[in-house]
């Protein structure tokens, strides 16, 4: 999937500010994408609608992004409008 596909899917539901997919994969081989919305309420609404949605034959998990790593600060510090896919 391309970031434009994420933008189109999530933009259908609410206003998207940015969307991107990481090039690195998780330990289990899955890819991670992020979508940023204009406000937290829109992000919560999209999570309710699209969590468990089938995309290209696979079920996607949609949740609010969080950061609890060891290094540095989150690029979107204190931004509660970022959705993790």
PDB file of N, CA and C in Angstrom:
ATOM      1  N   UNK A   1       0.842  -1.181   0.000  1.00  0.00           N
ATOM      2  CA  UNK A   1       0.000   0.000   0.000  1.00  0.00           C
ATOM      3  C   UNK A   1       0.885   1.240   0.000  1.00  0.00           C
ATOM      4  N   UNK A   2       0.405   2.265  -0.602  1.00  0.00           N
ATOM      5  CA  UNK A   2       1.098   3.547  -0.699  1.00  0.00           C
ATOM      6  C   UNK A   2       0.434   4.538   0.256  1.00  0.00           C
ATOM      7  N   UNK A   3       1.169   5.575   0.658  1.00  0.00           N
ATOM      8  CA  UNK A   3       0.603   6.564   1.587  1.00  0.00           C
ATOM      9  C   UNK A   3      -0.619   7.252   1.001  1.00  0.00           C
ATOM     10  N   UNK A   4      -0.689   7.335  -0.321  1.00  0.00           N
ATOM     11  CA  UNK A   4      -1.860   7.966  -0.946  1.00  0.00           C
ATOM     12  C   UNK A   4      -3.127   7.148  -0.703  1.00  0.00           C
ATOM     13  N   UNK A   5      -2.961   5.824  -0.621  1.00  0.00           N
ATOM     14  CA  UNK A   5      -4.095   4.967  -0.302  1.00  0.00           C
ATOM     15  C   UNK A   5      -4.612   5.211   1.104  1.00  0.00           C
ATOM     16  N   UNK A   6      -3.677   5.382   2.040  1.00  0.00           N
ATOM     17  CA  UNK A   6      -4.082   5.719   3.415  1.00  0.00           C
ATOM     18  C   UNK A   6      -4.815   7.047   3.444  1.00  0.00           C
ATOM     19  N   UNK A   7      -4.259   8.011   2.728  1.00  0.00           N
ATOM     20  CA  UNK A   7      -4.858   9.350   2.691  1.00  0.00           C
ATOM     21  C   UNK A   7      -6.292   9.266   2.152  1.00  0.00           C
ATOM     22  N   UNK A   8      -6.471   8.499   1.085  1.00  0.00           N
ATOM     23  CA  UNK A   8      -7.799   8.379   0.479  1.00  0.00           C
ATOM     24  C   UNK A   8      -8.782   7.672   1.416  1.00  0.00           C
ATOM     25  N   UNK A   9      -8.349   6.570   2.031  1.00  0.00           N
ATOM     26  CA  UNK A   9      -9.232   5.816   2.922  1.00  0.00           C
ATOM     27  C   UNK A   9      -9.635   6.638   4.142  1.00  0.00           C
ATOM     28  N   UNK A  10      -8.663   7.233   4.809  1.00  0.00           N
ATOM     29  CA  UNK A  10      -8.960   7.983   6.026  1.00  0.00           C
ATOM     30  C   UNK A  10      -9.546   9.358   5.714  1.00  0.00           C
ATOM     31  N   UNK A  11      -9.175   9.934   4.583  1.00  0.00           N
ATOM     32  CA  UNK A  11      -9.710  11.227   4.187  1.00  0.00           C
ATOM     33  C   UNK A  11     -11.188  11.168   3.841  1.00  0.00           C
ATOM     34  N   UNK A  12     -11.662   9.978   3.475  1.00  0.00           N
ATOM     35  CA  UNK A  12     -13.083   9.807   3.195  1.00  0.00           C
ATOM     36  C   UNK A  12     -13.910  10.064   4.457  1.00  0.00           C
ATOM     37  N   UNK A  13     -13.345   9.758   5.619  1.00  0.00           N
ATOM     38  CA  UNK A  13     -14.070   9.886   6.885  1.00  0.00           C
ATOM     39  C   UNK A  13     -13.901  11.249   7.540  1.00  0.00           C
ATOM     40  N   UNK A  14     -12.685  11.782   7.549  1.00  0.00           N
ATOM     41  CA  UNK A  14     -12.418  13.081   8.188  1.00  0.00           C
ATOM     42  C   UNK A  14     -11.234  13.751   7.514  1.00  0.00           C
ATOM     43  N   UNK A  15     -10.959  15.003   7.900  1.00  0.00           N
ATOM     44  CA  UNK A  15      -9.881  15.786   7.290  1.00  0.00           C
ATOM     45  C   UNK A  15      -8.510  15.274   7.734  1.00  0.00           C
ATOM     46  N   UNK A  16      -7.700  14.857   6.763  1.00  0.00           N
ATOM     47  CA  UNK A  16      -6.357  14.336   7.023  1.00  0.00           C
ATOM     48  C   UNK A  16      -5.341  15.443   6.784  1.00  0.00           C
ATOM     49  N   UNK A  17      -4.403  15.600   7.720  1.00  0.00           N
ATOM     50  CA  UNK A  17      -3.329  16.576   7.569  1.00  0.00           C
ATOM     51  C   UNK A  17      -2.105  15.932   6.938  1.00  0.00           C
ATOM     52  N   UNK A  18      -1.779  14.699   7.361  1.00  0.00           N
ATOM     53  CA  UNK A  18      -0.609  14.002   6.829  1.00  0.00           C
ATOM     54  C   UNK A  18      -0.817  12.505   6.969  1.00  0.00           C
ATOM     55  N   UNK A  19      -0.200  11.732   6.079  1.00  0.00           N
ATOM     56  CA  UNK A  19      -0.239  10.273   6.136  1.00  0.00           C
ATOM     57  C   UNK A  19       1.086   9.746   5.615  1.00  0.00           C
ATOM     58  N   UNK A  20       1.635   8.758   6.300  1.00  0.00           N
ATOM     59  CA  UNK A  20       2.865   8.142   5.815  1.00  0.00           C
ATOM     60  C   UNK A  20       2.976   6.716   6.332  1.00  0.00           C
ATOM     61  N   UNK A  21       3.764   5.905   5.625  1.00  0.00           N
ATOM     62  CA  UNK A  21       4.010   4.515   5.984  1.00  0.00           C
ATOM     63  C   UNK A  21       5.509   4.355   6.163  1.00  0.00           C
ATOM     64  N   UNK A  22       5.907   3.744   7.271  1.00  0.00           N
ATOM     65  CA  UNK A  22       7.328   3.526   7.526  1.00  0.00           C
ATOM     66  C   UNK A  22       7.892   2.493   6.553  1.00  0.00           C
ATOM     67  N   UNK A  23       9.149   2.666   6.170  1.00  0.00           N
ATOM     68  CA  UNK A  23       9.778   1.701   5.270  1.00  0.00           C
ATOM     69  C   UNK A  23      10.231   0.457   6.025  1.00  0.00           C
ATOM     70  N   UNK A  24      10.602   0.617   7.292  1.00  0.00           N
ATOM     71  CA  UNK A  24      10.997  -0.532   8.107  1.00  0.00           C
ATOM     72  C   UNK A  24       9.761  -1.315   8.517  1.00  0.00           C
ATOM     73  N   UNK A  25       9.961  -2.591   8.724  1.00  0.00           N
ATOM     74  CA  UNK A  25       8.869  -3.449   9.169  1.00  0.00           C
ATOM     75  C   UNK A  25       9.043  -3.799  10.645  1.00  0.00           C
ATOM     76  N   UNK A  26       7.947  -4.188  11.272  1.00  0.00           N
ATOM     77  CA  UNK A  26       7.991  -4.627  12.676  1.00  0.00           C
ATOM     78  C   UNK A  26       8.719  -5.964  12.760  1.00  0.00           C
ATOM     79  N   UNK A  27       8.902  -6.431  13.969  1.00  0.00           N
ATOM     80  CA  UNK A  27       9.541  -7.735  14.177  1.00  0.00           C
ATOM     81  C   UNK A  27       8.745  -8.863  13.540  1.00  0.00           C
ATOM     82  N   UNK A  28       7.440  -8.721  13.493  1.00  0.00           N
ATOM     83  CA  UNK A  28       6.595  -9.762  12.913  1.00  0.00           C
ATOM     84  C   UNK A  28       6.393  -9.584  11.406  1.00  0.00           C
ATOM     85  N   UNK A  29       7.068  -8.622  10.794  1.00  0.00           N
ATOM     86  CA  UNK A  29       7.014  -8.433   9.349  1.00  0.00           C
ATOM     87  C   UNK A  29       5.925  -7.500   8.854  1.00  0.00           C
ATOM     88  N   UNK A  30       5.159  -6.928   9.762  1.00  0.00           N
ATOM     89  CA  UNK A  30       4.080  -6.027   9.357  1.00  0.00           C
ATOM     90  C   UNK A  30       4.610  -4.610   9.181  1.00  0.00           C
ATOM     91  N   UNK A  31       3.912  -3.838   8.373  1.00  0.00           N
ATOM     92  CA  UNK A  31       4.271  -2.436   8.167  1.00  0.00           C
ATOM     93  C   UNK A  31       3.389  -1.550   9.029  1.00  0.00           C
ATOM     94  N   UNK A  32       3.924  -0.369   9.357  1.00  0.00           N
ATOM     95  CA  UNK A  32       3.200   0.564  10.217  1.00  0.00           C
ATOM     96  C   UNK A  32       2.975   1.863   9.458  1.00  0.00           C
ATOM     97  N   UNK A  33       1.777   2.403   9.560  1.00  0.00           N
ATOM     98  CA  UNK A  33       1.459   3.680   8.944  1.00  0.00           C
ATOM     99  C   UNK A  33       0.903   4.638   9.976  1.00  0.00           C
ATOM    100  N   UNK A  34       1.021   5.917   9.676  1.00  0.00           N
ATOM    101  CA  UNK A  34       0.513   6.959  10.563  1.00  0.00           C
ATOM    102  C   UNK A  34      -0.353   7.914   9.759  1.00  0.00           C
ATOM    103  N   UNK A  35      -1.435   8.360  10.363  1.00  0.00           N
ATOM    104  CA  UNK A  35      -2.310   9.358   9.756  1.00  0.00           C
ATOM    105  C   UNK A  35      -2.550  10.430  10.807  1.00  0.00           C
ATOM    106  N   UNK A  36      -2.383  11.692  10.430  1.00  0.00           N
ATOM    107  CA  UNK A  36      -2.578  12.795  11.366  1.00  0.00           C
ATOM    108  C   UNK A  36      -3.824  13.572  10.956  1.00  0.00           C
ATOM    109  N   UNK A  37      -4.698  13.800  11.934  1.00  0.00           N
ATOM    110  CA  UNK A  37      -5.951  14.504  11.702  1.00  0.00           C
ATOM    111  C   UNK A  37      -5.898  15.901  12.290  1.00  0.00           C
ATOM    112  N   UNK A  38      -6.880  16.708  11.921  1.00  0.00           N
ATOM    113  CA  UNK A  38      -6.904  18.097  12.374  1.00  0.00           C
ATOM    114  C   UNK A  38      -7.230  18.228  13.858  1.00  0.00           C
ATOM    115  N   UNK A  39      -7.979  17.275  14.422  1.00  0.00           N
ATOM    116  CA  UNK A  39      -8.255  17.334  15.865  1.00  0.00           C
ATOM    117  C   UNK A  39      -8.457  15.928  16.420  1.00  0.00           C
ATOM    118  N   UNK A  40      -8.398  15.818  17.729  1.00  0.00           N
ATOM    119  CA  UNK A  40      -8.465  14.514  18.395  1.00  0.00           C
ATOM    120  C   UNK A  40      -9.837  13.858  18.246  1.00  0.00           C
ATOM    121  N   UNK A  41     -10.882  14.640  18.236  1.00  0.00           N
ATOM    122  CA  UNK A  41     -12.234  14.085  18.100  1.00  0.00           C
ATOM    123  C   UNK A  41     -12.395  13.355  16.767  1.00  0.00           C
ATOM    124  N   UNK A  42     -11.878  13.947  15.684  1.00  0.00           N
ATOM    125  CA  UNK A  42     -11.931  13.282  14.382  1.00  0.00           C
ATOM    126  C   UNK A  42     -11.131  11.989  14.398  1.00  0.00           C
ATOM    127  N   UNK A  43      -9.973  12.023  15.035  1.00  0.00           N
ATOM    128  CA  UNK A  43      -9.135  10.826  15.121  1.00  0.00           C
ATOM    129  C   UNK A  43      -9.869   9.710  15.863  1.00  0.00           C
ATOM    130  N   UNK A  44     -10.513  10.034  16.967  1.00  0.00           N
ATOM    131  CA  UNK A  44     -11.256   9.029  17.735  1.00  0.00           C
ATOM    132  C   UNK A  44     -12.412   8.452  16.914  1.00  0.00           C
ATOM    133  N   UNK A  45     -13.075   9.296  16.160  1.00  0.00           N
ATOM    134  CA  UNK A  45     -14.190   8.846  15.328  1.00  0.00           C
ATOM    135  C   UNK A  45     -13.716   7.866  14.249  1.00  0.00           C
ATOM    136  N   UNK A  46     -12.590   8.184  13.637  1.00  0.00           N
ATOM    137  CA  UNK A  46     -12.054   7.305  12.593  1.00  0.00           C
ATOM    138  C   UNK A  46     -11.601   5.977  13.193  1.00  0.00           C
ATOM    139  N   UNK A  47     -11.030   6.013  14.381  1.00  0.00           N
ATOM    140  CA  UNK A  47     -10.621   4.773  15.048  1.00  0.00           C
ATOM    141  C   UNK A  47     -11.837   3.876  15.259  1.00  0.00           C
ATOM    142  N   UNK A  48     -12.931   4.448  15.720  1.00  0.00           N
ATOM    143  CA  UNK A  48     -14.154   3.667  15.946  1.00  0.00           C
ATOM    144  C   UNK A  48     -14.669   3.055  14.641  1.00  0.00           C
ATOM    145  N   UNK A  49     -14.557   3.785  13.553  1.00  0.00           N
ATOM    146  CA  UNK A  49     -15.099   3.315  12.276  1.00  0.00           C
ATOM    147  C   UNK A  49     -14.205   2.295  11.577  1.00  0.00           C
ATOM    148  N   UNK A  50     -12.889   2.475  11.634  1.00  0.00           N
ATOM    149  CA  UNK A  50     -12.000   1.674  10.796  1.00  0.00           C
ATOM    150  C   UNK A  50     -11.206   0.595  11.522  1.00  0.00           C
ATOM    151  N   UNK A  51     -11.260   0.523  12.836  1.00  0.00           N
ATOM    152  CA  UNK A  51     -10.544  -0.542  13.533  1.00  0.00           C
ATOM    153  C   UNK A  51     -11.191  -1.877  13.184  1.00  0.00           C
ATOM    154  N   UNK A  52     -10.405  -2.806  12.669  1.00  0.00           N
ATOM    155  CA  UNK A  52     -10.923  -4.097  12.235  1.00  0.00           C
ATOM    156  C   UNK A  52     -11.390  -4.121  10.794  1.00  0.00           C
ATOM    157  N   UNK A  53     -11.260  -3.018  10.085  1.00  0.00           N
ATOM    158  CA  UNK A  53     -11.653  -2.901   8.680  1.00  0.00           C
ATOM    159  C   UNK A  53     -10.755  -3.790   7.820  1.00  0.00           C
ATOM    160  N   UNK A  54     -11.313  -4.416   6.784  1.00  0.00           N
ATOM    161  CA  UNK A  54     -10.514  -5.223   5.870  1.00  0.00           C
ATOM    162  C   UNK A  54     -10.004  -4.346   4.738  1.00  0.00           C
ATOM    163  N   UNK A  55      -8.693  -4.348   4.550  1.00  0.00           N
ATOM    164  CA  UNK A  55      -8.038  -3.554   3.516  1.00  0.00           C
ATOM    165  C   UNK A  55      -7.120  -4.469   2.725  1.00  0.00           C
ATOM    166  N   UNK A  56      -7.369  -4.595   1.443  1.00  0.00           N
ATOM    167  CA  UNK A  56      -6.595  -5.481   0.571  1.00  0.00           C
ATOM    168  C   UNK A  56      -6.568  -6.911   1.106  1.00  0.00           C
ATOM    169  N   UNK A  57      -7.700  -7.365   1.629  1.00  0.00           N
ATOM    170  CA  UNK A  57      -7.823  -8.733   2.116  1.00  0.00           C
ATOM    171  C   UNK A  57      -7.264  -8.992   3.500  1.00  0.00           C
ATOM    172  N   UNK A  58      -6.785  -7.967   4.180  1.00  0.00           N
ATOM    173  CA  UNK A  58      -6.232  -8.136   5.528  1.00  0.00           C
ATOM    174  C   UNK A  58      -6.922  -7.182   6.488  1.00  0.00           C
ATOM    175  N   UNK A  59      -7.113  -7.648   7.713  1.00  0.00           N
ATOM    176  CA  UNK A  59      -7.744  -6.825   8.743  1.00  0.00           C
ATOM    177  C   UNK A  59      -6.711  -5.846   9.290  1.00  0.00           C
ATOM    178  N   UNK A  60      -7.083  -4.569   9.364  1.00  0.00           N
ATOM    179  CA  UNK A  60      -6.155  -3.572   9.900  1.00  0.00           C
ATOM    180  C   UNK A  60      -6.568  -3.202  11.324  1.00  0.00           C
ATOM    181  N   UNK A  61      -5.567  -2.903  12.125  1.00  0.00           N
ATOM    182  CA  UNK A  61      -5.804  -2.408  13.478  1.00  0.00           C
ATOM    183  C   UNK A  61      -5.531  -0.917  13.489  1.00  0.00           C
ATOM    184  N   UNK A  62      -6.447  -0.150  14.025  1.00  0.00           N
ATOM    185  CA  UNK A  62      -6.304   1.304  14.058  1.00  0.00           C
ATOM    186  C   UNK A  62      -6.403   1.749  15.512  1.00  0.00           C
ATOM    187  N   UNK A  63      -5.399   2.491  15.971  1.00  0.00           N
ATOM    188  CA  UNK A  63      -5.418   2.997  17.342  1.00  0.00           C
ATOM    189  C   UNK A  63      -4.642   4.295  17.415  1.00  0.00           C
ATOM    190  N   UNK A  64      -4.786   4.979  18.534  1.00  0.00           N
ATOM    191  CA  UNK A  64      -4.075   6.231  18.754  1.00  0.00           C
ATOM    192  C   UNK A  64      -2.588   5.925  18.937  1.00  0.00           C
ATOM    193  N   UNK A  65      -1.738   6.698  18.289  1.00  0.00           N
ATOM    194  CA  UNK A  65      -0.295   6.489  18.405  1.00  0.00           C
ATOM    195  C   UNK A  65       0.174   6.887  19.799  1.00  0.00           C
ATOM    196  N   UNK A  66       1.157   6.157  20.300  1.00  0.00           N
ATOM    197  CA  UNK A  66       1.747   6.488  21.602  1.00  0.00           C
ATOM    198  C   UNK A  66       3.248   6.282  21.505  1.00  0.00           C
ATOM    199  N   UNK A  67       3.963   6.844  22.431  1.00  0.00           N
ATOM    200  CA  UNK A  67       5.414   6.749  22.403  1.00  0.00           C
ATOM    201  C   UNK A  67       5.925   6.529  23.810  1.00  0.00           C
ATOM    202  N   UNK A  68       6.681   5.457  23.986  1.00  0.00           N
ATOM    203  CA  UNK A  68       7.307   5.206  25.275  1.00  0.00           C
ATOM    204  C   UNK A  68       8.682   4.578  25.060  1.00  0.00           C
ATOM    205  N   UNK A  69       9.395   5.086  24.085  1.00  0.00           N
ATOM    206  CA  UNK A  69      10.711   4.563  23.752  1.00  0.00           C
ATOM    207  C   UNK A  69      11.804   5.099  24.645  1.00  0.00           C
ATOM    208  N   UNK A  70      12.996   4.584  24.434  1.00  0.00           N
ATOM    209  CA  UNK A  70      14.141   4.986  25.243  1.00  0.00           C
ATOM    210  C   UNK A  70      14.818   6.226  24.697  1.00  0.00           C
ATOM    211  N   UNK A  71      14.764   6.408  23.382  1.00  0.00           N
ATOM    212  CA  UNK A  71      15.523   7.490  22.761  1.00  0.00           C
ATOM    213  C   UNK A  71      14.681   8.714  22.497  1.00  0.00           C
ATOM    214  N   UNK A  72      15.289   9.848  22.659  1.00  0.00           N
ATOM    215  CA  UNK A  72      14.742  11.123  22.203  1.00  0.00           C
ATOM    216  C   UNK A  72      13.284  11.380  22.496  1.00  0.00           C
ATOM    217  N   UNK A  73      12.777  12.372  21.832  1.00  0.00           N
ATOM    218  CA  UNK A  73      11.385  12.769  21.996  1.00  0.00           C
ATOM    219  C   UNK A  73      10.619  12.430  20.734  1.00  0.00           C
ATOM    220  N   UNK A  74       9.363  12.237  20.899  1.00  0.00           N
ATOM    221  CA  UNK A  74       8.494  11.929  19.771  1.00  0.00           C
ATOM    222  C   UNK A  74       8.467  13.097  18.800  1.00  0.00           C
ATOM    223  N   UNK A  75       8.511  12.773  17.528  1.00  0.00           N
ATOM    224  CA  UNK A  75       8.502  13.810  16.504  1.00  0.00           C
ATOM    225  C   UNK A  75       7.249  14.678  16.604  1.00  0.00           C
ATOM    226  N   UNK A  76       6.141  14.077  16.974  1.00  0.00           N
ATOM    227  CA  UNK A  76       4.880  14.800  17.135  1.00  0.00           C
ATOM    228  C   UNK A  76       4.606  14.980  18.617  1.00  0.00           C
ATOM    229  N   UNK A  77       5.510  15.592  19.334  1.00  0.00           N
ATOM    230  CA  UNK A  77       5.335  15.655  20.780  1.00  0.00           C
ATOM    231  C   UNK A  77       4.024  16.334  21.154  1.00  0.00           C
ATOM    232  N   UNK A  78       3.332  15.665  22.048  1.00  0.00           N
ATOM    233  CA  UNK A  78       2.046  16.101  22.590  1.00  0.00           C
ATOM    234  C   UNK A  78       0.958  16.257  21.524  1.00  0.00           C
ATOM    235  N   UNK A  79       1.174  15.653  20.366  1.00  0.00           N
ATOM    236  CA  UNK A  79       0.146  15.694  19.331  1.00  0.00           C
ATOM    237  C   UNK A  79      -0.762  14.489  19.517  1.00  0.00           C
ATOM    238  N   UNK A  80      -1.974  14.687  19.946  1.00  0.00           N
ATOM    239  CA  UNK A  80      -2.893  13.593  20.225  1.00  0.00           C
ATOM    240  C   UNK A  80      -3.759  13.278  19.008  1.00  0.00           C
ATOM    241  N   UNK A  81      -3.407  13.813  17.852  1.00  0.00           N
ATOM    242  CA  UNK A  81      -4.227  13.618  16.658  1.00  0.00           C
ATOM    243  C   UNK A  81      -3.624  12.593  15.710  1.00  0.00           C
ATOM    244  N   UNK A  82      -2.581  11.900  16.128  1.00  0.00           N
ATOM    245  CA  UNK A  82      -1.877  10.963  15.264  1.00  0.00           C
ATOM    246  C   UNK A  82      -2.435   9.558  15.475  1.00  0.00           C
ATOM    247  N   UNK A  83      -2.849   8.907  14.406  1.00  0.00           N
ATOM    248  CA  UNK A  83      -3.427   7.574  14.473  1.00  0.00           C
ATOM    249  C   UNK A  83      -2.434   6.578  13.908  1.00  0.00           C
ATOM    250  N   UNK A  84      -2.241   5.487  14.619  1.00  0.00           N
ATOM    251  CA  UNK A  84      -1.344   4.414  14.213  1.00  0.00           C
ATOM    252  C   UNK A  84      -2.144   3.340  13.507  1.00  0.00           C
ATOM    253  N   UNK A  85      -1.630   2.870  12.377  1.00  0.00           N
ATOM    254  CA  UNK A  85      -2.320   1.837  11.617  1.00  0.00           C
ATOM    255  C   UNK A  85      -1.475   0.600  11.594  1.00  0.00           C
TER     256      UNK A  85
END
